[in-house]
Structures are given as C-alpha cells and as structure tokens.
N, C-alpha and C. Protein backbone atom coordinates (compact mmCIF):
# COMPACT_ATOMS: atom_id res chain seq x y z
N MET A 1 -43.97 10.18 0.67
CA MET A 1 -42.70 9.87 1.32
C MET A 1 -42.32 11.05 2.21
N SER A 2 -41.98 10.78 3.44
CA SER A 2 -41.59 11.85 4.35
C SER A 2 -40.10 12.14 4.20
N VAL A 3 -39.69 13.31 4.70
CA VAL A 3 -38.28 13.69 4.66
C VAL A 3 -37.48 12.66 5.43
N GLY A 4 -36.40 12.19 4.86
CA GLY A 4 -35.55 11.20 5.51
C GLY A 4 -35.88 9.78 5.11
N GLU A 5 -37.11 9.52 4.67
CA GLU A 5 -37.49 8.16 4.30
C GLU A 5 -36.80 7.80 2.99
N GLY A 6 -36.08 6.68 2.97
CA GLY A 6 -35.37 6.26 1.78
C GLY A 6 -34.03 6.95 1.60
N SER A 7 -33.70 7.84 2.52
CA SER A 7 -32.44 8.57 2.37
C SER A 7 -31.40 8.05 3.34
N SER A 8 -30.27 8.72 3.34
CA SER A 8 -29.16 8.32 4.20
C SER A 8 -29.49 8.46 5.67
N THR A 9 -30.57 9.15 6.01
CA THR A 9 -30.94 9.31 7.41
C THR A 9 -32.06 8.36 7.83
N ASP A 10 -32.50 7.51 6.93
CA ASP A 10 -33.55 6.55 7.23
C ASP A 10 -32.98 5.44 8.11
N ARG A 11 -33.46 5.34 9.33
CA ARG A 11 -32.94 4.39 10.33
C ARG A 11 -32.96 2.95 9.80
N SER A 12 -34.02 2.55 9.10
CA SER A 12 -34.08 1.16 8.61
C SER A 12 -33.00 0.90 7.56
N ASN A 13 -32.73 1.87 6.69
CA ASN A 13 -31.64 1.72 5.72
C ASN A 13 -30.29 1.63 6.42
N LEU A 14 -30.08 2.52 7.39
CA LEU A 14 -28.81 2.52 8.11
C LEU A 14 -28.56 1.17 8.77
N GLU A 15 -29.57 0.64 9.44
CA GLU A 15 -29.40 -0.64 10.13
C GLU A 15 -29.20 -1.79 9.15
N LYS A 16 -29.93 -1.77 8.03
CA LYS A 16 -29.80 -2.82 7.02
C LYS A 16 -28.38 -2.85 6.46
N TYR A 17 -27.87 -1.70 6.05
CA TYR A 17 -26.54 -1.66 5.45
C TYR A 17 -25.44 -1.90 6.47
N ALA A 18 -25.62 -1.40 7.68
CA ALA A 18 -24.60 -1.61 8.72
C ALA A 18 -24.43 -3.10 9.01
N LYS A 19 -25.54 -3.84 9.06
CA LYS A 19 -25.45 -5.29 9.28
C LYS A 19 -24.72 -5.97 8.13
N LEU A 20 -25.00 -5.55 6.92
CA LEU A 20 -24.41 -6.17 5.74
C LEU A 20 -22.90 -6.04 5.71
N VAL A 21 -22.39 -4.93 6.24
CA VAL A 21 -20.94 -4.67 6.16
C VAL A 21 -20.26 -4.70 7.53
N GLU A 22 -20.96 -5.24 8.52
CA GLU A 22 -20.40 -5.31 9.88
C GLU A 22 -19.97 -3.93 10.36
N GLY A 23 -20.83 -2.94 10.10
CA GLY A 23 -20.53 -1.55 10.45
C GLY A 23 -21.32 -1.08 11.65
N HIS A 24 -21.23 0.19 11.93
CA HIS A 24 -21.91 0.82 13.05
C HIS A 24 -22.64 2.05 12.57
N VAL A 25 -23.76 2.35 13.20
CA VAL A 25 -24.54 3.54 12.88
C VAL A 25 -24.17 4.64 13.86
N TYR A 26 -23.77 5.77 13.33
CA TYR A 26 -23.43 6.93 14.14
C TYR A 26 -24.38 8.06 13.77
N SER A 27 -24.50 9.03 14.64
CA SER A 27 -25.32 10.19 14.30
C SER A 27 -24.41 11.39 14.09
N GLY A 28 -24.88 12.31 13.31
CA GLY A 28 -24.11 13.51 13.02
C GLY A 28 -24.63 14.15 11.75
N GLN A 29 -23.97 15.17 11.31
CA GLN A 29 -24.40 15.88 10.11
C GLN A 29 -23.40 15.65 8.98
N ILE A 30 -23.94 15.55 7.78
CA ILE A 30 -23.11 15.48 6.58
C ILE A 30 -23.30 16.81 5.88
N VAL A 31 -22.22 17.56 5.72
CA VAL A 31 -22.33 18.91 5.18
C VAL A 31 -21.66 19.00 3.81
N GLY A 32 -21.81 20.13 3.18
CA GLY A 32 -21.19 20.38 1.89
C GLY A 32 -21.97 19.72 0.76
N ALA A 33 -21.29 19.55 -0.36
CA ALA A 33 -21.93 18.99 -1.55
C ALA A 33 -22.48 17.59 -1.30
N VAL A 34 -21.74 16.79 -0.54
CA VAL A 34 -22.20 15.42 -0.26
C VAL A 34 -23.52 15.45 0.50
N GLY A 35 -23.62 16.29 1.52
CA GLY A 35 -24.85 16.40 2.28
C GLY A 35 -26.02 16.87 1.44
N ILE A 36 -25.77 17.85 0.58
CA ILE A 36 -26.82 18.37 -0.29
C ILE A 36 -27.30 17.29 -1.25
N LEU A 37 -26.36 16.60 -1.91
CA LEU A 37 -26.74 15.56 -2.87
C LEU A 37 -27.50 14.41 -2.22
N MET A 38 -27.06 14.00 -1.04
CA MET A 38 -27.73 12.90 -0.36
C MET A 38 -29.15 13.30 0.05
N ASN A 39 -29.32 14.51 0.54
CA ASN A 39 -30.66 14.96 0.93
C ASN A 39 -31.56 15.15 -0.29
N LEU A 40 -31.03 15.69 -1.37
CA LEU A 40 -31.84 15.84 -2.59
C LEU A 40 -32.26 14.49 -3.13
N ALA A 41 -31.36 13.52 -3.11
CA ALA A 41 -31.70 12.18 -3.58
C ALA A 41 -32.84 11.61 -2.75
N GLY A 42 -32.77 11.78 -1.43
CA GLY A 42 -33.85 11.30 -0.56
C GLY A 42 -35.17 11.98 -0.85
N LEU A 43 -35.13 13.29 -1.08
CA LEU A 43 -36.35 14.02 -1.39
C LEU A 43 -36.95 13.60 -2.73
N MET A 44 -36.10 13.12 -3.64
CA MET A 44 -36.57 12.65 -4.94
C MET A 44 -36.98 11.18 -4.91
N GLY A 45 -36.94 10.58 -3.72
CA GLY A 45 -37.37 9.19 -3.58
C GLY A 45 -36.30 8.17 -3.91
N MET A 46 -35.06 8.61 -4.01
CA MET A 46 -33.96 7.70 -4.33
C MET A 46 -33.32 7.18 -3.05
N GLU A 47 -33.23 5.87 -2.92
CA GLU A 47 -32.55 5.30 -1.76
C GLU A 47 -31.06 5.61 -1.90
N ASN A 48 -30.45 6.08 -0.85
CA ASN A 48 -29.03 6.44 -0.91
C ASN A 48 -28.38 6.27 0.44
N MET A 49 -27.09 6.30 0.44
CA MET A 49 -26.34 6.23 1.69
C MET A 49 -24.97 6.84 1.49
N GLY A 50 -24.33 7.17 2.58
CA GLY A 50 -22.97 7.68 2.55
C GLY A 50 -22.07 6.73 3.32
N MET A 51 -20.80 6.73 2.98
CA MET A 51 -19.87 5.85 3.65
C MET A 51 -18.70 6.69 4.16
N LEU A 52 -18.51 6.69 5.46
CA LEU A 52 -17.41 7.41 6.08
C LEU A 52 -16.40 6.37 6.54
N ILE A 53 -15.19 6.48 6.06
CA ILE A 53 -14.12 5.55 6.43
C ILE A 53 -13.15 6.29 7.33
N GLU A 54 -12.97 5.79 8.53
CA GLU A 54 -12.03 6.40 9.46
C GLU A 54 -10.62 5.96 9.10
N VAL A 55 -9.72 6.91 9.00
CA VAL A 55 -8.34 6.59 8.64
C VAL A 55 -7.42 6.87 9.81
N GLY A 56 -6.30 6.20 9.80
CA GLY A 56 -5.30 6.40 10.84
C GLY A 56 -4.36 7.54 10.48
N GLU A 57 -3.25 7.60 11.17
CA GLU A 57 -2.31 8.69 10.95
C GLU A 57 -1.42 8.49 9.74
N SER A 58 -1.30 7.25 9.26
CA SER A 58 -0.45 7.02 8.08
C SER A 58 -1.17 7.52 6.84
N THR A 59 -0.40 8.03 5.90
CA THR A 59 -0.99 8.53 4.66
C THR A 59 -0.24 7.93 3.50
N PRO A 60 -0.85 7.23 2.60
CA PRO A 60 -2.25 6.79 2.67
C PRO A 60 -2.43 5.65 3.67
N ASP A 61 -3.63 5.51 4.17
CA ASP A 61 -3.95 4.45 5.13
C ASP A 61 -4.45 3.23 4.35
N TYR A 62 -3.56 2.29 4.10
CA TYR A 62 -3.91 1.13 3.28
C TYR A 62 -4.93 0.22 3.97
N TYR A 63 -4.91 0.18 5.28
CA TYR A 63 -5.88 -0.66 6.00
C TYR A 63 -7.29 -0.09 5.85
N ALA A 64 -7.42 1.24 5.94
CA ALA A 64 -8.72 1.88 5.74
C ALA A 64 -9.17 1.71 4.29
N CYS A 65 -8.23 1.81 3.36
CA CYS A 65 -8.54 1.61 1.95
C CYS A 65 -9.04 0.19 1.70
N ARG A 66 -8.37 -0.78 2.30
CA ARG A 66 -8.79 -2.18 2.14
C ARG A 66 -10.20 -2.38 2.68
N ARG A 67 -10.50 -1.79 3.82
CA ARG A 67 -11.84 -1.89 4.40
C ARG A 67 -12.87 -1.22 3.49
N ALA A 68 -12.54 -0.06 2.93
CA ALA A 68 -13.46 0.64 2.04
C ALA A 68 -13.77 -0.19 0.80
N VAL A 69 -12.76 -0.81 0.21
CA VAL A 69 -12.97 -1.66 -0.96
C VAL A 69 -13.84 -2.85 -0.59
N TRP A 70 -13.58 -3.46 0.56
CA TRP A 70 -14.37 -4.61 1.02
C TRP A 70 -15.83 -4.22 1.20
N VAL A 71 -16.08 -3.07 1.85
CA VAL A 71 -17.45 -2.61 2.09
C VAL A 71 -18.16 -2.30 0.77
N LEU A 72 -17.50 -1.57 -0.11
CA LEU A 72 -18.11 -1.24 -1.40
C LEU A 72 -18.42 -2.50 -2.20
N ASN A 73 -17.53 -3.46 -2.15
CA ASN A 73 -17.75 -4.74 -2.83
C ASN A 73 -18.99 -5.44 -2.28
N ARG A 74 -19.16 -5.44 -0.96
CA ARG A 74 -20.34 -6.07 -0.34
C ARG A 74 -21.62 -5.32 -0.69
N LEU A 75 -21.59 -4.00 -0.60
CA LEU A 75 -22.79 -3.20 -0.85
C LEU A 75 -23.24 -3.26 -2.30
N ALA A 76 -22.29 -3.23 -3.22
CA ALA A 76 -22.63 -3.18 -4.64
C ALA A 76 -22.56 -4.55 -5.31
N ASN A 77 -22.21 -5.58 -4.53
CA ASN A 77 -22.12 -6.94 -5.06
C ASN A 77 -21.27 -6.97 -6.34
N LEU A 78 -20.05 -6.43 -6.24
CA LEU A 78 -19.17 -6.30 -7.39
C LEU A 78 -18.41 -7.58 -7.75
N GLY A 79 -18.34 -8.51 -6.81
CA GLY A 79 -17.63 -9.76 -7.08
C GLY A 79 -16.12 -9.62 -7.11
N LEU A 80 -15.59 -8.60 -6.44
CA LEU A 80 -14.14 -8.41 -6.40
C LEU A 80 -13.50 -9.40 -5.44
N GLU A 81 -12.30 -9.81 -5.76
CA GLU A 81 -11.55 -10.66 -4.84
C GLU A 81 -10.93 -9.79 -3.76
N ASP A 82 -10.74 -10.36 -2.58
CA ASP A 82 -10.08 -9.62 -1.51
C ASP A 82 -8.67 -9.24 -1.93
N VAL A 83 -8.26 -8.06 -1.54
CA VAL A 83 -6.90 -7.61 -1.82
C VAL A 83 -6.15 -7.49 -0.51
N THR A 84 -4.86 -7.70 -0.59
CA THR A 84 -4.03 -7.56 0.60
C THR A 84 -3.52 -6.12 0.68
N VAL A 85 -3.04 -5.76 1.84
CA VAL A 85 -2.45 -4.43 2.01
C VAL A 85 -1.24 -4.29 1.10
N ASP A 86 -0.45 -5.35 0.95
CA ASP A 86 0.71 -5.30 0.04
C ASP A 86 0.28 -5.01 -1.40
N GLU A 87 -0.82 -5.63 -1.85
CA GLU A 87 -1.31 -5.38 -3.21
C GLU A 87 -1.75 -3.92 -3.37
N LEU A 88 -2.41 -3.39 -2.35
CA LEU A 88 -2.82 -1.98 -2.40
C LEU A 88 -1.62 -1.05 -2.44
N MET A 89 -0.59 -1.37 -1.67
CA MET A 89 0.61 -0.54 -1.65
C MET A 89 1.28 -0.54 -3.02
N ARG A 90 1.38 -1.71 -3.65
CA ARG A 90 2.00 -1.79 -4.98
C ARG A 90 1.16 -1.04 -6.01
N SER A 91 -0.16 -1.18 -5.95
CA SER A 91 -1.04 -0.47 -6.88
C SER A 91 -0.90 1.04 -6.72
N TYR A 92 -0.83 1.48 -5.49
CA TYR A 92 -0.67 2.91 -5.21
C TYR A 92 0.65 3.42 -5.77
N ALA A 93 1.72 2.66 -5.53
CA ALA A 93 3.05 3.07 -6.02
C ALA A 93 3.05 3.15 -7.55
N ARG A 94 2.40 2.19 -8.22
CA ARG A 94 2.33 2.22 -9.69
C ARG A 94 1.54 3.43 -10.17
N ALA A 95 0.43 3.73 -9.50
CA ALA A 95 -0.40 4.88 -9.90
C ALA A 95 0.37 6.19 -9.73
N VAL A 96 1.08 6.33 -8.61
CA VAL A 96 1.86 7.55 -8.37
C VAL A 96 2.97 7.67 -9.42
N ALA A 97 3.64 6.56 -9.72
CA ALA A 97 4.71 6.59 -10.73
C ALA A 97 4.17 7.03 -12.09
N ARG A 98 2.99 6.56 -12.46
CA ARG A 98 2.38 6.97 -13.73
C ARG A 98 2.06 8.46 -13.73
N LEU A 99 1.51 8.93 -12.63
CA LEU A 99 1.14 10.35 -12.55
C LEU A 99 2.37 11.26 -12.58
N GLU A 100 3.46 10.79 -12.02
CA GLU A 100 4.66 11.61 -11.94
C GLU A 100 5.53 11.52 -13.19
N SER A 101 5.22 10.59 -14.09
CA SER A 101 6.06 10.44 -15.30
C SER A 101 5.58 11.34 -16.42
C-alpha cells in the first residue's frame, strides 16, 4: 500500500464519500492531532476520512450542525431521523441548562 492509499488523501475515497453526502472535495492540509491520526491510520492500512463543516457567524450554527448530523448519518448508516433546526436548538438549550445546574 502506498502512502495516501486508503487514507483521507486517497482521491477515490474522497470522490466516493463526497458523492454519498452531496459534498465537495477540497485540497489543503489537515494539521495537529487530527492530521497525525488520519495519516497514521492510512499508513496502517485503515480506510479513514475527515469531515470539515463550514459554520456561519452565529454561534452555535444550528444549520451547520444539522448538516453534520445528516452527513454522519449517511456515512455511518445510523438510521437517524432528520432533525429540524428547532429540535437542535431545544436540545442545545437543554444540554446547556444541565451543564449549568
């Protein structure tokens, strides 16, 4: 197996997953612990990928969160039902209330 084959930089993997989630393939570097782990996984023959979700100026960005959940559900075949932005907002508010209590 050559460097990059089966890893997050493998062009065939990128194109396969991008089609599955209606995504786009971009080029660039992944640095830090994530970059190290993804490259090590590829060198060990483990198929892997990274997911970068672009967020807007609102914090938290519920639309980006909804897209991330949808993509993860498609990639991992989790069988989750679609959630609305309102449901995500309520879940977030409940989680924050629990953490602050």
